[in-house]
Amino acid sequence: MELVPGVPEPVEFHTDVTTIPAAPAAGRLAVLQFAVHDPWKDRPVSAFHLVHERLFHAFIVSQDLEFFEHGHPLPIGEGVFQYAITFPRPGMYRVLGDFYPSGGTPQLASNTVIVPGDAPPLRELTRDYEEKTASNLRVSLETVPDHPTATTRTQLRLRAAGPFGLEKYLGVWGHMLVASSDLIDMMHEHPFLADGGERVEFELVFPRPGGYRVWVQFQSRGVVNTAHFDVPFGALE
């Protein structure tokens, strides 16, 4: 393979996530703070590239998979971003940061936040491909193959139908966040095929057997629609 000068090697930048207060209370406003450091000398990162119209994307998911939020932390200092959030209930929350540091490569960094109290149990997912009614769209899913196999490529074909059609949301026709039921694996994806019509296709490799919740977001007439589906897996075939 011919080497291309100026293309950085993919390395993982350090991302520390803290909360204000340190022990956030369920139902009360808190702040997530993201501090990004380089992997060479652990220095704060001073510059970032825009990724889909934002410097930083954050996805927050609760351990029972009932809470999902896609937000955009704002820079408050060198290498530090901040995002206000109200955690609805006690338990573990996984936080996925998506950003592109200058001098590096696009990053996905996951961290855990604990909200004290009696936590809900982990959810065991069963297949749910039923059509969902969101704010002003109806969203349906089919997968190819119909019963996907972990570690092989799966097409996720979505239809987002409504009276006003689709608009680009943050520069693309849709966003997808996939989380395993134990929240170990989290993936942020964008469409593989889309042309502004009702049909939007993603491609994904589910990394291991188990259940996955799939959230999709589409915009129509200025409104962001969010819907979710559940894709379960048995053992590897």
C-alpha atoms as a PDB file:
ATOM      1  CA  MET A   1       0.000   0.000   0.000  1.00  0.00           C
ATOM      2  CA  GLU A   2       1.348   3.430  -0.930  1.00  0.00           C
ATOM      3  CA  LEU A   3       1.738   5.711   2.083  1.00  0.00           C
ATOM      4  CA  VAL A   4       0.122   9.144   1.874  1.00  0.00           C
ATOM      5  CA  PRO A   5       2.000  11.897   3.719  1.00  0.00           C
ATOM      6  CA  GLY A   6       0.101  14.032   6.203  1.00  0.00           C
ATOM      7  CA  VAL A   7      -2.567  11.453   7.112  1.00  0.00           C
ATOM      8  CA  PRO A   8      -2.368  10.809  10.876  1.00  0.00           C
ATOM      9  CA  GLU A   9      -2.284   7.301  12.270  1.00  0.00           C
ATOM     10  CA  PRO A  10      -5.487   6.366  14.146  1.00  0.00           C
ATOM     11  CA  VAL A  11      -4.751   6.725  17.855  1.00  0.00           C
ATOM     12  CA  GLU A  12      -7.112   7.056  20.801  1.00  0.00           C
ATOM     13  CA  PHE A  13      -7.330  10.434  22.504  1.00  0.00           C
ATOM     14  CA  HIS A  14      -8.002  10.465  26.255  1.00  0.00           C
ATOM     15  CA  THR A  15     -11.470  11.641  27.256  1.00  0.00           C
ATOM     16  CA  ASP A  16     -12.398  12.117  30.910  1.00  0.00           C
ATOM     17  CA  VAL A  17     -16.062  12.624  31.795  1.00  0.00           C
ATOM     18  CA  THR A  18     -17.035  14.150  35.132  1.00  0.00           C
ATOM     19  CA  THR A  19     -20.324  15.432  36.505  1.00  0.00           C
ATOM     20  CA  ILE A  20     -21.277  18.563  38.395  1.00  0.00           C
ATOM     21  CA  PRO A  21     -22.229  17.775  41.101  1.00  0.00           C
ATOM     22  CA  ALA A  22     -19.969  14.739  41.510  1.00  0.00           C
ATOM     23  CA  ALA A  23     -22.965  12.632  42.606  1.00  0.00           C
ATOM     24  CA  PRO A  24     -25.831  13.822  40.378  1.00  0.00           C
ATOM     25  CA  ALA A  25     -29.373  13.366  41.684  1.00  0.00           C
ATOM     26  CA  ALA A  26     -32.089  11.803  39.562  1.00  0.00           C
ATOM     27  CA  GLY A  27     -34.597  14.367  38.340  1.00  0.00           C
ATOM     28  CA  ARG A  28     -32.329  17.352  38.997  1.00  0.00           C
ATOM     29  CA  LEU A  29     -30.250  19.357  36.566  1.00  0.00           C
ATOM     30  CA  ALA A  30     -26.593  18.307  36.327  1.00  0.00           C
ATOM     31  CA  VAL A  31     -23.688  19.056  34.025  1.00  0.00           C
ATOM     32  CA  LEU A  32     -21.534  16.625  32.061  1.00  0.00           C
ATOM     33  CA  GLN A  33     -17.997  17.844  31.491  1.00  0.00           C
ATOM     34  CA  PHE A  34     -15.758  16.304  28.825  1.00  0.00           C
ATOM     35  CA  ALA A  35     -11.985  16.879  28.978  1.00  0.00           C
ATOM     36  CA  VAL A  36     -10.023  15.749  25.901  1.00  0.00           C
ATOM     37  CA  HIS A  37      -6.248  15.171  26.044  1.00  0.00           C
ATOM     38  CA  ASP A  38      -3.790  14.051  23.395  1.00  0.00           C
ATOM     39  CA  PRO A  39      -2.340  10.506  23.579  1.00  0.00           C
ATOM     40  CA  TRP A  40       1.310  11.593  23.415  1.00  0.00           C
ATOM     41  CA  LYS A  41       1.892  14.057  26.273  1.00  0.00           C
ATOM     42  CA  ASP A  42      -1.605  14.131  27.804  1.00  0.00           C
ATOM     43  CA  ARG A  43      -2.007  17.804  26.904  1.00  0.00           C
ATOM     44  CA  PRO A  44      -5.459  19.422  26.561  1.00  0.00           C
ATOM     45  CA  VAL A  45      -6.582  19.483  22.942  1.00  0.00           C
ATOM     46  CA  SER A  46      -7.025  23.061  21.778  1.00  0.00           C
ATOM     47  CA  ALA A  47      -8.608  22.612  18.331  1.00  0.00           C
ATOM     48  CA  PHE A  48     -11.318  20.410  16.841  1.00  0.00           C
ATOM     49  CA  HIS A  49     -12.827  19.890  13.403  1.00  0.00           C
ATOM     50  CA  LEU A  50     -16.552  20.189  12.795  1.00  0.00           C
ATOM     51  CA  VAL A  51     -18.284  16.811  12.510  1.00  0.00           C
ATOM     52  CA  HIS A  52     -21.757  17.089  10.995  1.00  0.00           C
ATOM     53  CA  GLU A  53     -21.996  20.779  11.860  1.00  0.00           C
ATOM     54  CA  ARG A  54     -20.911  20.415  15.506  1.00  0.00           C
ATOM     55  CA  LEU A  55     -17.593  20.191  17.357  1.00  0.00           C
ATOM     56  CA  PHE A  56     -18.826  17.507  19.747  1.00  0.00           C
ATOM     57  CA  HIS A  57     -21.712  15.023  19.753  1.00  0.00           C
ATOM     58  CA  ALA A  58     -22.768  13.228  22.925  1.00  0.00           C
ATOM     59  CA  PHE A  59     -25.122  10.257  23.218  1.00  0.00           C
ATOM     60  CA  ILE A  60     -26.434   9.322  26.679  1.00  0.00           C
ATOM     61  CA  VAL A  61     -28.232   6.001  27.282  1.00  0.00           C
ATOM     62  CA  SER A  62     -29.594   4.577  30.556  1.00  0.00           C
ATOM     63  CA  GLN A  63     -28.939   0.994  31.633  1.00  0.00           C
ATOM     64  CA  ASP A  64     -32.611   0.049  31.150  1.00  0.00           C
ATOM     65  CA  LEU A  65     -32.428   1.540  27.598  1.00  0.00           C
ATOM     66  CA  GLU A  66     -35.469   3.729  28.284  1.00  0.00           C
ATOM     67  CA  PHE A  67     -33.563   7.032  28.229  1.00  0.00           C
ATOM     68  CA  PHE A  68     -31.783   8.258  25.106  1.00  0.00           C
ATOM     69  CA  GLU A  69     -30.401  11.710  24.401  1.00  0.00           C
ATOM     70  CA  HIS A  70     -28.325  13.078  21.529  1.00  0.00           C
ATOM     71  CA  GLY A  71     -26.864  16.471  22.407  1.00  0.00           C
ATOM     72  CA  HIS A  72     -23.990  18.778  21.580  1.00  0.00           C
ATOM     73  CA  PRO A  73     -21.663  19.873  24.391  1.00  0.00           C
ATOM     74  CA  LEU A  74     -20.248  23.368  24.060  1.00  0.00           C
ATOM     75  CA  PRO A  75     -16.585  24.336  24.508  1.00  0.00           C
ATOM     76  CA  ILE A  76     -15.839  26.217  27.727  1.00  0.00           C
ATOM     77  CA  GLY A  77     -12.035  26.070  27.774  1.00  0.00           C
ATOM     78  CA  GLU A  78      -9.031  24.380  26.252  1.00  0.00           C
ATOM     79  CA  GLY A  79     -10.077  20.817  25.505  1.00  0.00           C
ATOM     80  CA  VAL A  80     -13.162  21.015  27.761  1.00  0.00           C
ATOM     81  CA  PHE A  81     -16.812  20.741  26.682  1.00  0.00           C
ATOM     82  CA  GLN A  82     -19.892  21.017  28.860  1.00  0.00           C
ATOM     83  CA  TYR A  83     -23.465  19.746  28.535  1.00  0.00           C
ATOM     84  CA  ALA A  84     -26.458  20.248  30.837  1.00  0.00           C
ATOM     85  CA  ILE A  85     -28.647  17.198  31.435  1.00  0.00           C
ATOM     86  CA  THR A  86     -31.309  15.870  33.800  1.00  0.00           C
ATOM     87  CA  PHE A  87     -30.919  12.146  34.485  1.00  0.00           C
ATOM     88  CA  PRO A  88     -34.470  10.806  34.918  1.00  0.00           C
ATOM     89  CA  ARG A  89     -33.734   7.970  37.363  1.00  0.00           C
ATOM     90  CA  PRO A  90     -30.899   6.352  39.340  1.00  0.00           C
ATOM     91  CA  GLY A  91     -28.575   3.843  37.721  1.00  0.00           C
ATOM     92  CA  MET A  92     -25.758   3.547  35.241  1.00  0.00           C
ATOM     93  CA  TYR A  93     -25.615   5.720  32.130  1.00  0.00           C
ATOM     94  CA  ARG A  94     -23.250   5.211  29.210  1.00  0.00           C
ATOM     95  CA  VAL A  95     -21.997   8.347  27.517  1.00  0.00           C
ATOM     96  CA  LEU A  96     -20.566   8.208  23.993  1.00  0.00           C
ATOM     97  CA  GLY A  97     -18.574  11.204  22.778  1.00  0.00           C
ATOM     98  CA  ASP A  98     -18.062  11.712  19.031  1.00  0.00           C
ATOM     99  CA  PHE A  99     -15.466  14.329  18.020  1.00  0.00           C
ATOM    100  CA  TYR A 100     -12.548  14.988  15.679  1.00  0.00           C
ATOM    101  CA  PRO A 101      -9.449  16.491  17.326  1.00  0.00           C
ATOM    102  CA  SER A 102      -7.066  18.521  15.208  1.00  0.00           C
ATOM    103  CA  GLY A 103      -3.973  16.456  14.395  1.00  0.00           C
ATOM    104  CA  GLY A 104      -5.810  13.200  15.063  1.00  0.00           C
ATOM    105  CA  THR A 105      -8.568  11.091  13.569  1.00  0.00           C
ATOM    106  CA  PRO A 106     -12.336  10.956  14.325  1.00  0.00           C
ATOM    107  CA  GLN A 107     -12.931   9.606  17.821  1.00  0.00           C
ATOM    108  CA  LEU A 108     -15.666   7.636  19.596  1.00  0.00           C
ATOM    109  CA  ALA A 109     -15.062   7.625  23.357  1.00  0.00           C
ATOM    110  CA  SER A 110     -17.385   5.879  25.820  1.00  0.00           C
ATOM    111  CA  ASN A 111     -17.585   6.542  29.551  1.00  0.00           C
ATOM    112  CA  THR A 112     -19.849   5.599  32.453  1.00  0.00           C
ATOM    113  CA  VAL A 113     -21.768   7.871  34.811  1.00  0.00           C
ATOM    114  CA  ILE A 114     -23.480   6.566  37.958  1.00  0.00           C
ATOM    115  CA  VAL A 115     -26.546   8.293  39.391  1.00  0.00           C
ATOM    116  CA  PRO A 116     -26.945   7.116  43.029  1.00  0.00           C
ATOM    117  CA  GLY A 117     -30.081   5.247  44.086  1.00  0.00           C
ATOM    118  CA  ASP A 118     -31.988   2.072  43.316  1.00  0.00           C
ATOM    119  CA  ALA A 119     -31.184   1.268  39.713  1.00  0.00           C
ATOM    120  CA  PRO A 120     -33.590  -0.453  37.302  1.00  0.00           C
ATOM    121  CA  PRO A 121     -32.550  -3.897  35.996  1.00  0.00           C
ATOM    122  CA  LEU A 122     -30.874  -4.454  32.669  1.00  0.00           C
ATOM    123  CA  ARG A 123     -33.351  -5.084  29.869  1.00  0.00           C
ATOM    124  CA  GLU A 124     -33.527  -8.360  27.958  1.00  0.00           C
ATOM    125  CA  LEU A 125     -34.469  -7.427  24.416  1.00  0.00           C
ATOM    126  CA  THR A 126     -36.835  -9.280  22.129  1.00  0.00           C
ATOM    127  CA  ARG A 127     -37.293  -8.600  18.423  1.00  0.00           C
ATOM    128  CA  ASP A 128     -39.150  -5.344  17.728  1.00  0.00           C
ATOM    129  CA  TYR A 129     -39.403  -4.260  14.093  1.00  0.00           C
ATOM    130  CA  GLU A 130     -42.887  -2.735  14.469  1.00  0.00           C
ATOM    131  CA  GLU A 131     -43.583   0.590  12.761  1.00  0.00           C
ATOM    132  CA  LYS A 132     -43.162   3.535  15.145  1.00  0.00           C
ATOM    133  CA  THR A 133     -45.027   6.841  15.171  1.00  0.00           C
ATOM    134  CA  ALA A 134     -42.656   9.714  15.979  1.00  0.00           C
ATOM    135  CA  SER A 135     -43.326  13.483  16.063  1.00  0.00           C
ATOM    136  CA  ASN A 136     -44.347  13.921  12.419  1.00  0.00           C
ATOM    137  CA  LEU A 137     -43.036  10.749  10.745  1.00  0.00           C
ATOM    138  CA  ARG A 138     -43.865   7.043  10.730  1.00  0.00           C
ATOM    139  CA  VAL A 139     -40.681   4.983  10.826  1.00  0.00           C
ATOM    140  CA  SER A 140     -40.373   1.284   9.923  1.00  0.00           C
ATOM    141  CA  LEU A 141     -37.430  -1.121   9.761  1.00  0.00           C
ATOM    142  CA  GLU A 142     -36.461  -4.220   7.861  1.00  0.00           C
ATOM    143  CA  THR A 143     -33.082  -5.947   7.981  1.00  0.00           C
ATOM    144  CA  VAL A 144     -31.253  -7.907   5.314  1.00  0.00           C
ATOM    145  CA  PRO A 145     -30.954 -10.704   6.220  1.00  0.00           C
ATOM    146  CA  ASP A 146     -34.238 -10.858   8.129  1.00  0.00           C
ATOM    147  CA  HIS A 147     -32.447 -12.637  10.998  1.00  0.00           C
ATOM    148  CA  PRO A 148     -29.001 -11.010  11.166  1.00  0.00           C
ATOM    149  CA  THR A 149     -25.886 -12.816  12.307  1.00  0.00           C
ATOM    150  CA  ALA A 150     -23.348 -11.175  14.582  1.00  0.00           C
ATOM    151  CA  THR A 151     -19.951 -10.285  13.029  1.00  0.00           C
ATOM    152  CA  THR A 152     -21.374 -10.204   9.474  1.00  0.00           C
ATOM    153  CA  ARG A 153     -22.647  -7.181   7.588  1.00  0.00           C
ATOM    154  CA  THR A 154     -26.325  -6.311   7.998  1.00  0.00           C
ATOM    155  CA  GLN A 155     -28.373  -3.852   5.974  1.00  0.00           C
ATOM    156  CA  LEU A 156     -30.857  -1.839   8.045  1.00  0.00           C
ATOM    157  CA  ARG A 157     -33.470  -0.478   5.649  1.00  0.00           C
ATOM    158  CA  LEU A 158     -35.659   2.233   7.124  1.00  0.00           C
ATOM    159  CA  ARG A 159     -38.694   4.010   5.732  1.00  0.00           C
ATOM    160  CA  ALA A 160     -39.476   7.431   7.222  1.00  0.00           C
ATOM    161  CA  ALA A 161     -42.846   8.558   5.845  1.00  0.00           C
ATOM    162  CA  GLY A 162     -44.752  11.726   6.633  1.00  0.00           C
ATOM    163  CA  PRO A 163     -46.637  14.643   5.093  1.00  0.00           C
ATOM    164  CA  PHE A 164     -43.617  16.970   4.855  1.00  0.00           C
ATOM    165  CA  GLY A 165     -40.815  14.662   3.695  1.00  0.00           C
ATOM    166  CA  LEU A 166     -37.265  14.475   5.028  1.00  0.00           C
ATOM    167  CA  GLU A 167     -34.710  17.222   5.607  1.00  0.00           C
ATOM    168  CA  LYS A 168     -31.052  16.798   6.383  1.00  0.00           C
ATOM    169  CA  TYR A 169     -30.327  16.735  10.117  1.00  0.00           C
ATOM    170  CA  LEU A 170     -26.852  18.022  10.997  1.00  0.00           C
ATOM    171  CA  GLY A 171     -25.746  17.637   7.399  1.00  0.00           C
ATOM    172  CA  VAL A 172     -26.969  14.072   6.751  1.00  0.00           C
ATOM    173  CA  TRP A 173     -30.277  12.328   6.048  1.00  0.00           C
ATOM    174  CA  GLY A 174     -30.271  10.481   9.367  1.00  0.00           C
ATOM    175  CA  HIS A 175     -28.376   9.448  12.473  1.00  0.00           C
ATOM    176  CA  MET A 176     -28.303   6.036  14.139  1.00  0.00           C
ATOM    177  CA  LEU A 177     -27.094   5.055  17.594  1.00  0.00           C
ATOM    178  CA  VAL A 178     -26.785   1.317  18.316  1.00  0.00           C
ATOM    179  CA  ALA A 179     -26.271   0.027  21.864  1.00  0.00           C
ATOM    180  CA  SER A 180     -25.941  -3.541  23.096  1.00  0.00           C
ATOM    181  CA  SER A 181     -28.313  -4.450  25.926  1.00  0.00           C
ATOM    182  CA  ASP A 182     -25.385  -4.492  28.394  1.00  0.00           C
ATOM    183  CA  LEU A 183     -24.167  -1.103  27.045  1.00  0.00           C
ATOM    184  CA  ILE A 184     -20.691  -2.448  26.334  1.00  0.00           C
ATOM    185  CA  ASP A 185     -20.924  -1.760  22.600  1.00  0.00           C
ATOM    186  CA  MET A 186     -22.129   1.607  21.260  1.00  0.00           C
ATOM    187  CA  MET A 187     -21.935   2.733  17.623  1.00  0.00           C
ATOM    188  CA  HIS A 188     -22.868   6.016  15.918  1.00  0.00           C
ATOM    189  CA  GLU A 189     -23.708   5.506  12.241  1.00  0.00           C
ATOM    190  CA  HIS A 190     -24.887   7.528   9.231  1.00  0.00           C
ATOM    191  CA  PRO A 191     -26.763   6.376   6.112  1.00  0.00           C
ATOM    192  CA  PHE A 192     -25.046   4.235   3.520  1.00  0.00           C
ATOM    193  CA  LEU A 193     -27.742   5.053   0.946  1.00  0.00           C
ATOM    194  CA  ALA A 194     -30.123   8.034   1.039  1.00  0.00           C
ATOM    195  CA  ASP A 195     -31.388  10.560  -1.497  1.00  0.00           C
ATOM    196  CA  GLY A 196     -33.943  12.612   0.436  1.00  0.00           C
ATOM    197  CA  GLY A 197     -36.784  10.166  -0.173  1.00  0.00           C
ATOM    198  CA  GLU A 198     -38.532   7.981   2.376  1.00  0.00           C
ATOM    199  CA  ARG A 199     -36.010   5.141   2.084  1.00  0.00           C
ATOM    200  CA  VAL A 200     -32.817   5.402   4.133  1.00  0.00           C
ATOM    201  CA  GLU A 201     -30.347   2.522   4.411  1.00  0.00           C
ATOM    202  CA  PHE A 202     -27.612   1.919   6.957  1.00  0.00           C
ATOM    203  CA  GLU A 203     -25.006  -0.865   6.987  1.00  0.00           C
ATOM    204  CA  LEU A 204     -23.658  -2.276  10.214  1.00  0.00           C
ATOM    205  CA  VAL A 205     -21.703  -5.165  11.685  1.00  0.00           C
ATOM    206  CA  PHE A 206     -23.097  -6.178  15.064  1.00  0.00           C
ATOM    207  CA  PRO A 207     -19.950  -7.207  16.974  1.00  0.00           C
ATOM    208  CA  ARG A 208     -21.254 -10.120  19.086  1.00  0.00           C
ATOM    209  CA  PRO A 209     -24.377 -12.100  19.990  1.00  0.00           C
ATOM    210  CA  GLY A 210     -26.949 -10.507  22.283  1.00  0.00           C
ATOM    211  CA  GLY A 211     -29.650  -7.866  22.024  1.00  0.00           C
ATOM    212  CA  TYR A 212     -29.196  -4.402  20.501  1.00  0.00           C
ATOM    213  CA  ARG A 213     -31.391  -1.331  20.663  1.00  0.00           C
ATOM    214  CA  VAL A 214     -31.253   0.838  17.549  1.00  0.00           C
ATOM    215  CA  TRP A 215     -32.261   4.501  17.749  1.00  0.00           C
ATOM    216  CA  VAL A 216     -32.750   6.478  14.533  1.00  0.00           C
ATOM    217  CA  GLN A 217     -33.238  10.209  14.108  1.00  0.00           C
ATOM    218  CA  PHE A 218     -34.719  11.951  11.062  1.00  0.00           C
ATOM    219  CA  GLN A 219     -35.738  15.571  10.586  1.00  0.00           C
ATOM    220  CA  SER A 220     -38.943  16.725   8.937  1.00  0.00           C
ATOM    221  CA  ARG A 221     -40.131  20.344   8.738  1.00  0.00           C
ATOM    222  CA  GLY A 222     -37.609  21.384  11.387  1.00  0.00           C
ATOM    223  CA  VAL A 223     -38.654  18.657  13.847  1.00  0.00           C
ATOM    224  CA  VAL A 224     -36.238  15.902  14.892  1.00  0.00           C
ATOM    225  CA  ASN A 225     -38.028  12.536  15.029  1.00  0.00           C
ATOM    226  CA  THR A 226     -36.569   9.766  17.218  1.00  0.00           C
ATOM    227  CA  ALA A 227     -37.637   6.115  17.044  1.00  0.00           C
ATOM    228  CA  HIS A 228     -36.127   2.868  18.279  1.00  0.00           C
ATOM    229  CA  PHE A 229     -36.127  -0.800  17.326  1.00  0.00           C
ATOM    230  CA  ASP A 230     -34.719  -3.934  18.966  1.00  0.00           C
ATOM    231  CA  VAL A 231     -32.570  -6.507  17.167  1.00  0.00           C
ATOM    232  CA  PRO A 232     -31.821  -9.697  19.153  1.00  0.00           C
ATOM    233  CA  PHE A 233     -29.166 -12.285  18.343  1.00  0.00           C
ATOM    234  CA  GLY A 234     -28.598 -15.841  19.427  1.00  0.00           C
ATOM    235  CA  ALA A 235     -25.270 -17.631  19.207  1.00  0.00           C
ATOM    236  CA  LEU A 236     -22.942 -17.078  16.272  1.00  0.00           C
ATOM    237  CA  GLU A 237     -23.914 -19.094  13.228  1.00  0.00           C
END
